[in-house]
Structure formats: structure tokens, C-alpha cells
PDB file of N, CA and C in Angstrom:
ATOM      1  N   MET A   1       0.830  -1.194   0.000  1.00  0.00           N
ATOM      2  CA  MET A   1       0.000   0.000   0.000  1.00  0.00           C
ATOM      3  C   MET A   1       0.869   1.250   0.000  1.00  0.00           C
ATOM      4  N   LEU A   2       0.384   2.251  -0.694  1.00  0.00           N
ATOM      5  CA  LEU A   2       1.096   3.519  -0.708  1.00  0.00           C
ATOM      6  C   LEU A   2       0.614   4.387   0.441  1.00  0.00           C
ATOM      7  N   ASN A   3       1.543   4.908   1.185  1.00  0.00           N
ATOM      8  CA  ASN A   3       1.168   5.871   2.206  1.00  0.00           C
ATOM      9  C   ASN A   3       1.677   7.250   1.790  1.00  0.00           C
ATOM     10  N   ALA A   4       1.467   8.231   2.619  1.00  0.00           N
ATOM     11  CA  ALA A   4       1.821   9.606   2.268  1.00  0.00           C
ATOM     12  C   ALA A   4       3.323   9.764   2.034  1.00  0.00           C
ATOM     13  N   CYS A   5       4.118   9.022   2.759  1.00  0.00           N
ATOM     14  CA  CYS A   5       5.572   9.125   2.603  1.00  0.00           C
ATOM     15  C   CYS A   5       6.016   8.605   1.238  1.00  0.00           C
ATOM     16  N   ASN A   6       5.456   7.472   0.830  1.00  0.00           N
ATOM     17  CA  ASN A   6       5.811   6.911  -0.477  1.00  0.00           C
ATOM     18  C   ASN A   6       5.326   7.793  -1.617  1.00  0.00           C
ATOM     19  N   VAL A   7       4.133   8.344  -1.471  1.00  0.00           N
ATOM     20  CA  VAL A   7       3.592   9.216  -2.506  1.00  0.00           C
ATOM     21  C   VAL A   7       4.452  10.461  -2.645  1.00  0.00           C
ATOM     22  N   SER A   8       4.908  11.017  -1.532  1.00  0.00           N
ATOM     23  CA  SER A   8       5.744  12.218  -1.617  1.00  0.00           C
ATOM     24  C   SER A   8       7.081  11.914  -2.297  1.00  0.00           C
ATOM     25  N   LYS A   9       7.601  10.724  -2.108  1.00  0.00           N
ATOM     26  CA  LYS A   9       8.842  10.354  -2.798  1.00  0.00           C
ATOM     27  C   LYS A   9       8.623  10.239  -4.300  1.00  0.00           C
ATOM     28  N   VAL A  10       7.482   9.685  -4.688  1.00  0.00           N
ATOM     29  CA  VAL A  10       7.157   9.570  -6.112  1.00  0.00           C
ATOM     30  C   VAL A  10       6.994  10.953  -6.720  1.00  0.00           C
ATOM     31  N   VAL A  11       6.320  11.837  -6.020  1.00  0.00           N
ATOM     32  CA  VAL A  11       6.095  13.192  -6.517  1.00  0.00           C
ATOM     33  C   VAL A  11       7.412  13.951  -6.633  1.00  0.00           C
ATOM     34  N   MET A  12       8.317  13.721  -5.696  1.00  0.00           N
ATOM     35  CA  MET A  12       9.614  14.414  -5.747  1.00  0.00           C
ATOM     36  C   MET A  12      10.403  14.042  -6.995  1.00  0.00           C
ATOM     37  N   VAL A  13      10.143  12.884  -7.565  1.00  0.00           N
ATOM     38  CA  VAL A  13      10.829  12.467  -8.790  1.00  0.00           C
ATOM     39  C   VAL A  13      10.036  12.880 -10.024  1.00  0.00           C
ATOM     40  N   THR A  14       8.722  12.673 -10.001  1.00  0.00           N
ATOM     41  CA  THR A  14       7.932  12.867 -11.218  1.00  0.00           C
ATOM     42  C   THR A  14       7.629  14.325 -11.533  1.00  0.00           C
ATOM     43  N   VAL A  15       7.692  15.220 -10.570  1.00  0.00           N
ATOM     44  CA  VAL A  15       7.430  16.635 -10.869  1.00  0.00           C
ATOM     45  C   VAL A  15       8.628  17.292 -11.561  1.00  0.00           C
ATOM     46  N   PRO A  16       9.844  17.180 -11.052  1.00  0.00           N
ATOM     47  CA  PRO A  16      10.970  17.833 -11.740  1.00  0.00           C
ATOM     48  C   PRO A  16      11.413  17.120 -13.020  1.00  0.00           C
ATOM     49  N   LEU A  17      11.071  15.858 -13.189  1.00  0.00           N
ATOM     50  CA  LEU A  17      11.544  15.103 -14.347  1.00  0.00           C
ATOM     51  C   LEU A  17      11.091  15.694 -15.680  1.00  0.00           C
ATOM     52  N   PRO A  18       9.811  16.047 -15.883  1.00  0.00           N
ATOM     53  CA  PRO A  18       9.430  16.653 -17.163  1.00  0.00           C
ATOM     54  C   PRO A  18      10.118  17.993 -17.420  1.00  0.00           C
ATOM     55  N   ILE A  19      10.342  18.769 -16.375  1.00  0.00           N
ATOM     56  CA  ILE A  19      11.035  20.050 -16.543  1.00  0.00           C
ATOM     57  C   ILE A  19      12.475  19.805 -16.983  1.00  0.00           C
ATOM     58  N   LEU A  20      13.125  18.842 -16.370  1.00  0.00           N
ATOM     59  CA  LEU A  20      14.494  18.502 -16.756  1.00  0.00           C
ATOM     60  C   LEU A  20      14.556  18.018 -18.203  1.00  0.00           C
ATOM     61  N   LEU A  21      13.599  17.182 -18.596  1.00  0.00           N
ATOM     62  CA  LEU A  21      13.573  16.694 -19.976  1.00  0.00           C
ATOM     63  C   LEU A  21      13.325  17.836 -20.965  1.00  0.00           C
ATOM     64  N   LEU A  22      12.460  18.785 -20.615  1.00  0.00           N
ATOM     65  CA  LEU A  22      12.232  19.931 -21.500  1.00  0.00           C
ATOM     66  C   LEU A  22      13.476  20.791 -21.648  1.00  0.00           C
ATOM     67  N   VAL A  23      14.217  20.973 -20.569  1.00  0.00           N
ATOM     68  CA  VAL A  23      15.462  21.744 -20.645  1.00  0.00           C
ATOM     69  C   VAL A  23      16.470  21.023 -21.532  1.00  0.00           C
ATOM     70  N   ILE A  24      16.573  19.710 -21.389  1.00  0.00           N
ATOM     71  CA  ILE A  24      17.500  18.935 -22.230  1.00  0.00           C
ATOM     72  C   ILE A  24      17.101  19.054 -23.697  1.00  0.00           C
ATOM     73  N   LEU A  25      15.789  18.935 -23.998  1.00  0.00           N
ATOM     74  CA  LEU A  25      15.335  19.058 -25.384  1.00  0.00           C
ATOM     75  C   LEU A  25      15.544  20.467 -25.928  1.00  0.00           C
ATOM     76  N   LEU A  26      15.377  21.476 -25.084  1.00  0.00           N
ATOM     77  CA  LEU A  26      15.614  22.856 -25.519  1.00  0.00           C
ATOM     78  C   LEU A  26      17.083  23.064 -25.883  1.00  0.00           C
ATOM     79  N   ILE A  27      17.964  22.595 -25.037  1.00  0.00           N
ATOM     80  CA  ILE A  27      19.401  22.731 -25.328  1.00  0.00           C
ATOM     81  C   ILE A  27      19.766  21.965 -26.593  1.00  0.00           C
ATOM     82  N   ARG A  28      19.237  20.775 -26.734  1.00  0.00           N
ATOM     83  CA  ARG A  28      19.520  19.979 -27.939  1.00  0.00           C
ATOM     84  C   ARG A  28      18.982  20.667 -29.184  1.00  0.00           C
ATOM     85  N   GLY A  29      17.772  21.208 -29.099  1.00  0.00           N
ATOM     86  CA  GLY A  29      17.185  21.890 -30.252  1.00  0.00           C
ATOM     87  C   GLY A  29      17.942  23.145 -30.640  1.00  0.00           C
ATOM     88  N   LEU A  30      18.432  23.879 -29.647  1.00  0.00           N
ATOM     89  CA  LEU A  30      19.170  25.111 -29.947  1.00  0.00           C
ATOM     90  C   LEU A  30      20.565  24.847 -30.488  1.00  0.00           C
ATOM     91  N   THR A  31      21.086  23.662 -30.278  1.00  0.00           N
ATOM     92  CA  THR A  31      22.430  23.357 -30.778  1.00  0.00           C
ATOM     93  C   THR A  31      22.426  22.712 -32.160  1.00  0.00           C
ATOM     94  N   LEU A  32      21.236  22.502 -32.748  1.00  0.00           N
ATOM     95  CA  LEU A  32      21.186  21.951 -34.101  1.00  0.00           C
ATOM     96  C   LEU A  32      21.714  22.967 -35.107  1.00  0.00           C
ATOM     97  N   PRO A  33      22.209  22.546 -36.261  1.00  0.00           N
ATOM     98  CA  PRO A  33      22.863  23.452 -37.212  1.00  0.00           C
ATOM     99  C   PRO A  33      21.971  24.600 -37.706  1.00  0.00           C
ATOM    100  N   ILE A  34      20.712  24.343 -37.998  1.00  0.00           N
ATOM    101  CA  ILE A  34      19.869  25.414 -38.545  1.00  0.00           C
ATOM    102  C   ILE A  34      18.798  25.851 -37.549  1.00  0.00           C
ATOM    103  N   ALA A  35      19.134  25.807 -36.266  1.00  0.00           N
ATOM    104  CA  ALA A  35      18.164  26.164 -35.224  1.00  0.00           C
ATOM    105  C   ALA A  35      17.769  27.636 -35.319  1.00  0.00           C
ATOM    106  N   MET A  36      18.715  28.505 -35.628  1.00  0.00           N
ATOM    107  CA  MET A  36      18.394  29.939 -35.682  1.00  0.00           C
ATOM    108  C   MET A  36      17.434  30.250 -36.828  1.00  0.00           C
ATOM    109  N   ASP A  37      17.519  29.512 -37.933  1.00  0.00           N
ATOM    110  CA  ASP A  37      16.557  29.709 -39.024  1.00  0.00           C
ATOM    111  C   ASP A  37      15.141  29.364 -38.563  1.00  0.00           C
ATOM    112  N   GLY A  38      15.021  28.283 -37.801  1.00  0.00           N
ATOM    113  CA  GLY A  38      13.714  27.891 -37.289  1.00  0.00           C
ATOM    114  C   GLY A  38      13.164  28.892 -36.290  1.00  0.00           C
ATOM    115  N   ILE A  39      14.008  29.418 -35.426  1.00  0.00           N
ATOM    116  CA  ILE A  39      13.567  30.421 -34.455  1.00  0.00           C
ATOM    117  C   ILE A  39      13.154  31.702 -35.169  1.00  0.00           C
ATOM    118  N   ARG A  40      13.920  32.099 -36.178  1.00  0.00           N
ATOM    119  CA  ARG A  40      13.557  33.295 -36.950  1.00  0.00           C
ATOM    120  C   ARG A  40      12.215  33.101 -37.660  1.00  0.00           C
ATOM    121  N   PHE A  41      11.989  31.920 -38.236  1.00  0.00           N
ATOM    122  CA  PHE A  41      10.728  31.623 -38.903  1.00  0.00           C
ATOM    123  C   PHE A  41       9.573  31.659 -37.910  1.00  0.00           C
ATOM    124  N   TYR A  42       9.790  31.152 -36.705  1.00  0.00           N
ATOM    125  CA  TYR A  42       8.751  31.110 -35.676  1.00  0.00           C
ATOM    126  C   TYR A  42       8.398  32.517 -35.190  1.00  0.00           C
ATOM    127  N   LEU A  43       9.389  33.375 -35.061  1.00  0.00           N
ATOM    128  CA  LEU A  43       9.164  34.706 -34.486  1.00  0.00           C
ATOM    129  C   LEU A  43       8.827  35.773 -35.516  1.00  0.00           C
ATOM    130  N   THR A  44       8.931  35.464 -36.805  1.00  0.00           N
ATOM    131  CA  THR A  44       8.609  36.445 -37.847  1.00  0.00           C
ATOM    132  C   THR A  44       7.233  36.126 -38.422  1.00  0.00           C
ATOM    133  N   PRO A  45       6.227  36.972 -38.140  1.00  0.00           N
ATOM    134  CA  PRO A  45       4.870  36.673 -38.633  1.00  0.00           C
ATOM    135  C   PRO A  45       4.736  36.928 -40.129  1.00  0.00           C
ATOM    136  N   ASP A  46       3.873  36.151 -40.762  1.00  0.00           N
ATOM    137  CA  ASP A  46       3.552  36.327 -42.179  1.00  0.00           C
ATOM    138  C   ASP A  46       2.087  36.764 -42.252  1.00  0.00           C
ATOM    139  N   PHE A  47       1.865  38.072 -42.315  1.00  0.00           N
ATOM    140  CA  PHE A  47       0.509  38.614 -42.253  1.00  0.00           C
ATOM    141  C   PHE A  47      -0.307  38.318 -43.510  1.00  0.00           C
ATOM    142  N   SER A  48       0.322  37.891 -44.576  1.00  0.00           N
ATOM    143  CA  SER A  48      -0.433  37.555 -45.778  1.00  0.00           C
ATOM    144  C   SER A  48      -1.287  36.300 -45.568  1.00  0.00           C
ATOM    145  N   LYS A  49      -0.924  35.478 -44.604  1.00  0.00           N
ATOM    146  CA  LYS A  49      -1.696  34.269 -44.306  1.00  0.00           C
ATOM    147  C   LYS A  49      -3.053  34.599 -43.677  1.00  0.00           C
ATOM    148  N   LEU A  50      -3.230  35.810 -43.160  1.00  0.00           N
ATOM    149  CA  LEU A  50      -4.496  36.177 -42.528  1.00  0.00           C
ATOM    150  C   LEU A  50      -5.630  36.306 -43.531  1.00  0.00           C
ATOM    151  N   THR A  51      -5.326  36.429 -44.800  1.00  0.00           N
ATOM    152  CA  THR A  51      -6.374  36.529 -45.817  1.00  0.00           C
ATOM    153  C   THR A  51      -6.813  35.156 -46.333  1.00  0.00           C
ATOM    154  N   ASP A  52      -6.133  34.104 -45.912  1.00  0.00           N
ATOM    155  CA  ASP A  52      -6.465  32.747 -46.351  1.00  0.00           C
ATOM    156  C   ASP A  52      -7.613  32.201 -45.502  1.00  0.00           C
ATOM    157  N   ILE A  53      -8.712  31.825 -46.131  1.00  0.00           N
ATOM    158  CA  ILE A  53      -9.901  31.350 -45.411  1.00  0.00           C
ATOM    159  C   ILE A  53      -9.645  30.020 -44.716  1.00  0.00           C
ATOM    160  N   ARG A  54      -8.736  29.189 -45.261  1.00  0.00           N
ATOM    161  CA  ARG A  54      -8.445  27.895 -44.635  1.00  0.00           C
ATOM    162  C   ARG A  54      -7.823  28.073 -43.255  1.00  0.00           C
ATOM    163  N   ILE A  55      -7.014  29.115 -43.091  1.00  0.00           N
ATOM    164  CA  ILE A  55      -6.399  29.393 -41.783  1.00  0.00           C
ATOM    165  C   ILE A  55      -7.488  29.702 -40.758  1.00  0.00           C
ATOM    166  N   TRP A  56      -8.464  30.522 -41.161  1.00  0.00           N
ATOM    167  CA  TRP A  56      -9.543  30.893 -40.259  1.00  0.00           C
ATOM    168  C   TRP A  56     -10.416  29.688 -39.926  1.00  0.00           C
ATOM    169  N   LEU A  57     -10.676  28.820 -40.904  1.00  0.00           N
ATOM    170  CA  LEU A  57     -11.469  27.621 -40.628  1.00  0.00           C
ATOM    171  C   LEU A  57     -10.752  26.691 -39.658  1.00  0.00           C
ATOM    172  N   ARG A  58      -9.459  26.565 -39.806  1.00  0.00           N
ATOM    173  CA  ARG A  58      -8.690  25.738 -38.875  1.00  0.00           C
ATOM    174  C   ARG A  58      -8.679  26.338 -37.473  1.00  0.00           C
ATOM    175  N   ALA A  59      -8.608  27.666 -37.410  1.00  0.00           N
ATOM    176  CA  ALA A  59      -8.644  28.330 -36.100  1.00  0.00           C
ATOM    177  C   ALA A  59      -9.998  28.125 -35.431  1.00  0.00           C
ATOM    178  N   TYR A  60     -11.079  28.256 -36.195  1.00  0.00           N
ATOM    179  CA  TYR A  60     -12.411  28.037 -35.629  1.00  0.00           C
ATOM    180  C   TYR A  60     -12.591  26.596 -35.178  1.00  0.00           C
ATOM    181  N   SER A  61     -12.096  25.647 -35.947  1.00  0.00           N
ATOM    182  CA  SER A  61     -12.230  24.257 -35.534  1.00  0.00           C
ATOM    183  C   SER A  61     -11.447  23.997 -34.246  1.00  0.00           C
ATOM    184  N   GLN A  62     -10.301  24.640 -34.093  1.00  0.00           N
ATOM    185  CA  GLN A  62      -9.532  24.491 -32.855  1.00  0.00           C
ATOM    186  C   GLN A  62     -10.284  25.098 -31.678  1.00  0.00           C
ATOM    187  N   ILE A  63     -10.924  26.252 -31.902  1.00  0.00           N
ATOM    188  CA  ILE A  63     -11.695  26.886 -30.830  1.00  0.00           C
ATOM    189  C   ILE A  63     -12.844  25.989 -30.403  1.00  0.00           C
ATOM    190  N   PHE A  64     -13.602  25.448 -31.356  1.00  0.00           N
ATOM    191  CA  PHE A  64     -14.729  24.598 -31.005  1.00  0.00           C
ATOM    192  C   PHE A  64     -14.280  23.307 -30.336  1.00  0.00           C
ATOM    193  N   PHE A  65     -13.151  22.762 -30.758  1.00  0.00           N
ATOM    194  CA  PHE A  65     -12.624  21.564 -30.111  1.00  0.00           C
ATOM    195  C   PHE A  65     -12.269  21.863 -28.663  1.00  0.00           C
ATOM    196  N   SER A  66     -11.599  22.991 -28.417  1.00  0.00           N
ATOM    197  CA  SER A  66     -11.216  23.348 -27.056  1.00  0.00           C
ATOM    198  C   SER A  66     -12.446  23.599 -26.198  1.00  0.00           C
ATOM    199  N   LEU A  67     -13.449  24.262 -26.764  1.00  0.00           N
ATOM    200  CA  LEU A  67     -14.662  24.524 -26.005  1.00  0.00           C
ATOM    201  C   LEU A  67     -15.426  23.244 -25.703  1.00  0.00           C
ATOM    202  N   SER A  68     -15.399  22.282 -26.619  1.00  0.00           N
ATOM    203  CA  SER A  68     -16.091  21.030 -26.347  1.00  0.00           C
ATOM    204  C   SER A  68     -15.409  20.273 -25.216  1.00  0.00           C
ATOM    205  N   LEU A  69     -14.083  20.333 -25.157  1.00  0.00           N
ATOM    206  CA  LEU A  69     -13.382  19.713 -24.037  1.00  0.00           C
ATOM    207  C   LEU A  69     -13.757  20.393 -22.731  1.00  0.00           C
ATOM    208  N   TYR A  70     -13.820  21.732 -22.745  1.00  0.00           N
ATOM    209  CA  TYR A  70     -14.179  22.468 -21.542  1.00  0.00           C
ATOM    210  C   TYR A  70     -15.607  22.133 -21.124  1.00  0.00           C
ATOM    211  N   GLY A  71     -16.508  22.019 -22.087  1.00  0.00           N
ATOM    212  CA  GLY A  71     -17.893  21.701 -21.766  1.00  0.00           C
ATOM    213  C   GLY A  71     -18.015  20.347 -21.097  1.00  0.00           C
ATOM    214  N   GLY A  72     -17.271  19.372 -21.574  1.00  0.00           N
ATOM    215  CA  GLY A  72     -17.287  18.054 -20.952  1.00  0.00           C
ATOM    216  C   GLY A  72     -16.719  18.073 -19.547  1.00  0.00           C
ATOM    217  N   LEU A  73     -15.644  18.836 -19.354  1.00  0.00           N
ATOM    218  CA  LEU A  73     -15.068  18.934 -18.015  1.00  0.00           C
ATOM    219  C   LEU A  73     -16.012  19.659 -17.065  1.00  0.00           C
ATOM    220  N   ALA A  74     -16.686  20.712 -17.550  1.00  0.00           N
ATOM    221  CA  ALA A  74     -17.629  21.443 -16.707  1.00  0.00           C
ATOM    222  C   ALA A  74     -18.799  20.541 -16.317  1.00  0.00           C
ATOM    223  N   LEU A  75     -19.246  19.707 -17.234  1.00  0.00           N
ATOM    224  CA  LEU A  75     -20.328  18.770 -16.939  1.00  0.00           C
ATOM    225  C   LEU A  75     -19.898  17.775 -15.860  1.00  0.00           C
ATOM    226  N   CYS A  76     -18.705  17.225 -15.998  1.00  0.00           N
ATOM    227  CA  CYS A  76     -18.203  16.282 -14.993  1.00  0.00           C
ATOM    228  C   CYS A  76     -18.036  16.965 -13.641  1.00  0.00           C
ATOM    229  N   LEU A  77     -17.562  18.203 -13.628  1.00  0.00           N
ATOM    230  CA  LEU A  77     -17.415  18.934 -12.376  1.00  0.00           C
ATOM    231  C   LEU A  77     -18.773  19.165 -11.728  1.00  0.00           C
ATOM    232  N   GLY A  78     -19.778  19.502 -12.538  1.00  0.00           N
ATOM    233  CA  GLY A  78     -21.115  19.706 -11.996  1.00  0.00           C
ATOM    234  C   GLY A  78     -21.683  18.445 -11.381  1.00  0.00           C
ATOM    235  N   ILE A  79     -21.441  17.301 -12.008  1.00  0.00           N
ATOM    236  CA  ILE A  79     -21.913  16.028 -11.455  1.00  0.00           C
ATOM    237  C   ILE A  79     -21.186  15.725 -10.153  1.00  0.00           C
ATOM    238  N   ALA A  80     -19.885  15.976 -10.119  1.00  0.00           N
ATOM    239  CA  ALA A  80     -19.117  15.708  -8.906  1.00  0.00           C
ATOM    240  C   ALA A  80     -19.579  16.612  -7.767  1.00  0.00           C
ATOM    241  N   ILE A  81     -19.861  17.872  -8.059  1.00  0.00           N
ATOM    242  CA  ILE A  81     -20.328  18.789  -7.016  1.00  0.00           C
ATOM    243  C   ILE A  81     -21.682  18.332  -6.493  1.00  0.00           C
ATOM    244  N   ARG A  82     -22.565  17.901  -7.390  1.00  0.00           N
ATOM    245  CA  ARG A  82     -23.890  17.457  -6.977  1.00  0.00           C
ATOM    246  C   ARG A  82     -23.778  16.219  -6.081  1.00  0.00           C
ATOM    247  N   LYS A  83     -22.912  15.268  -6.444  1.00  0.00           N
ATOM    248  CA  LYS A  83     -22.750  14.066  -5.629  1.00  0.00           C
ATOM    249  C   LYS A  83     -22.203  14.414  -4.256  1.00  0.00           C
ATOM    250  N   ARG A  84     -21.234  15.309  -4.213  1.00  0.00           N
ATOM    251  CA  ARG A  84     -20.644  15.687  -2.934  1.00  0.00           C
ATOM    252  C   ARG A  84     -21.637  16.494  -2.110  1.00  0.00           C
ATOM    253  N   ASN A  85     -22.538  17.229  -2.762  1.00  0.00           N
ATOM    254  CA  ASN A  85     -23.530  18.005  -2.046  1.00  0.00           C
ATOM    255  C   ASN A  85     -24.491  17.083  -1.301  1.00  0.00           C
ATOM    256  N   LYS A  86     -24.833  15.933  -1.899  1.00  0.00           N
ATOM    257  CA  LYS A  86     -25.722  14.988  -1.241  1.00  0.00           C
ATOM    258  C   LYS A  86     -25.088  14.422   0.020  1.00  0.00           C
ATOM    259  N   GLN A  87     -23.769  14.385   0.045  1.00  0.00           N
ATOM    260  CA  GLN A  87     -23.080  13.886   1.227  1.00  0.00           C
ATOM    261  C   GLN A  87     -22.879  14.976   2.259  1.00  0.00           C
ATOM    262  N   GLY A  88     -23.224  16.212   1.917  1.00  0.00           N
ATOM    263  CA  GLY A  88     -23.174  17.296   2.889  1.00  0.00           C
ATOM    264  C   GLY A  88     -21.825  17.958   3.048  1.00  0.00           C
ATOM    265  N   ARG A  89     -20.893  17.717   2.142  1.00  0.00           N
ATOM    266  CA  ARG A  89     -19.569  18.318   2.303  1.00  0.00           C
ATOM    267  C   ARG A  89     -19.412  19.614   1.523  1.00  0.00           C
ATOM    268  N   VAL A  90     -19.985  19.687   0.350  1.00  0.00           N
ATOM    269  CA  VAL A  90     -19.793  20.846  -0.507  1.00  0.00           C
ATOM    270  C   VAL A  90     -21.143  21.267  -1.050  1.00  0.00           C
ATOM    271  N   THR A  91     -21.385  22.577  -1.137  1.00  0.00           N
ATOM    272  CA  THR A  91     -22.618  23.071  -1.743  1.00  0.00           C
ATOM    273  C   THR A  91     -22.262  23.972  -2.906  1.00  0.00           C
ATOM    274  N   ALA A  92     -23.135  24.033  -3.884  1.00  0.00           N
ATOM    275  CA  ALA A  92     -22.928  24.890  -5.045  1.00  0.00           C
ATOM    276  C   ALA A  92     -24.007  25.963  -5.036  1.00  0.00           C
ATOM    277  N   GLY A  93     -23.601  27.222  -5.155  1.00  0.00           N
ATOM    278  CA  GLY A  93     -24.549  28.327  -5.162  1.00  0.00           C
ATOM    279  C   GLY A  93     -25.056  28.615  -6.555  1.00  0.00           C
ATOM    280  N   LYS A  94     -25.753  29.755  -6.712  1.00  0.00           N
ATOM    281  CA  LYS A  94     -26.303  30.114  -8.014  1.00  0.00           C
ATOM    282  C   LYS A  94     -25.218  30.287  -9.066  1.00  0.00           C
ATOM    283  N   ASN A  95     -24.067  30.795  -8.662  1.00  0.00           N
ATOM    284  CA  ASN A  95     -22.981  31.038  -9.610  1.00  0.00           C
ATOM    285  C   ASN A  95     -21.976  29.893  -9.613  1.00  0.00           C
ATOM    286  N   ALA A  96     -22.393  28.723  -9.157  1.00  0.00           N
ATOM    287  CA  ALA A  96     -21.552  27.512  -9.124  1.00  0.00           C
ATOM    288  C   ALA A  96     -20.275  27.735  -8.333  1.00  0.00           C
ATOM    289  N   LYS A  97     -20.379  28.482  -7.243  1.00  0.00           N
ATOM    290  CA  LYS A  97     -19.227  28.657  -6.368  1.00  0.00           C
ATOM    291  C   LYS A  97     -19.168  27.470  -5.418  1.00  0.00           C
ATOM    292  N   VAL A  98     -17.973  26.966  -5.202  1.00  0.00           N
ATOM    293  CA  VAL A  98     -17.798  25.850  -4.293  1.00  0.00           C
ATOM    294  C   VAL A  98     -17.490  26.421  -2.914  1.00  0.00           C
ATOM    295  N   VAL A  99     -18.272  25.990  -1.926  1.00  0.00           N
ATOM    296  CA  VAL A  99     -18.127  26.500  -0.570  1.00  0.00           C
ATOM    297  C   VAL A  99     -17.791  25.342   0.346  1.00  0.00           C
ATOM    298  N   ASP A 100     -16.733  25.486   1.099  1.00  0.00           N
ATOM    299  CA  ASP A 100     -16.349  24.461   2.037  1.00  0.00           C
ATOM    300  C   ASP A 100     -17.134  24.690   3.328  1.00  0.00           C
ATOM    301  N   GLN A 101     -17.840  23.662   3.809  1.00  0.00           N
ATOM    302  CA  GLN A 101     -18.673  23.809   4.980  1.00  0.00           C
ATOM    303  C   GLN A 101     -17.934  23.480   6.279  1.00  0.00           C
ATOM    304  N   ARG A 102     -16.709  23.034   6.170  1.00  0.00           N
ATOM    305  CA  ARG A 102     -15.960  22.723   7.395  1.00  0.00           C
ATOM    306  C   ARG A 102     -15.633  24.015   8.129  1.00  0.00           C
ATOM    307  N   ARG A 103     -15.724  23.983   9.415  1.00  0.00           N
ATOM    308  CA  ARG A 103     -15.475  25.175  10.212  1.00  0.00           C
ATOM    309  C   ARG A 103     -14.175  24.988  10.995  1.00  0.00           C
ATOM    310  N   ASP A 104     -13.391  26.056  11.053  1.00  0.00           N
ATOM    311  CA  ASP A 104     -12.164  26.012  11.844  1.00  0.00           C
ATOM    312  C   ASP A 104     -12.526  26.190  13.309  1.00  0.00           C
ATOM    313  N   THR A 105     -11.964  25.372  14.157  1.00  0.00           N
ATOM    314  CA  THR A 105     -12.283  25.496  15.581  1.00  0.00           C
ATOM    315  C   THR A 105     -11.077  25.981  16.354  1.00  0.00           C
TER     316      THR A 105
END
């Protein structure tokens, strides 16, 4: 069984590990032969692309995809709040604010 001590040891390894890997990948990417060309391309905007309708359609599809993910998460959060409300721990107000009912003594 995992207890709090074991979980904290796992977290101490798994939290800094992705940051370390990103730093290693950043250094590796910046040391490639044509890295500066790629950075220049990334940081130099091409405003002529704004007149292309396909770019706008792709942007709208990305917006709707992101909103659909948010809608699903909001639905799951609402169900979780309702279940916890029946147990008397958390209540949701008109503006879906989560209120902790525990009192400090």
C-alpha cells in the first residue's frame, strides 16, 4: 500500500523530471545546425496568411474543439459537485461557487 511518505517520494521524482527533460530538449534543439533559421521563422509573422480562409477555418475548428473539451469537463465537475452536495460536504450556489462547509475550531 502507498502511504503519504511513499507518494511524496514519487512526486519528488515525477514533478521535476518533465522540466528537466524539456530543458535537455531545448538545449539539444538550440544546438542543431539550422536552429536559428527555425527560431527566426517562428518569431517572424507572415501577415499575408491572414487573408487565407483555410487558416480561419482551422482556427475556428480548434476553438470549437477546445470549447467542447471544456464543456465536458464542466459537466463532470457539476456532477461531482452534486454528488458531494448529497453527502453534505460541498454546496454549489447560483454562480456555481464551491463552498467548504468545514469550520475552523
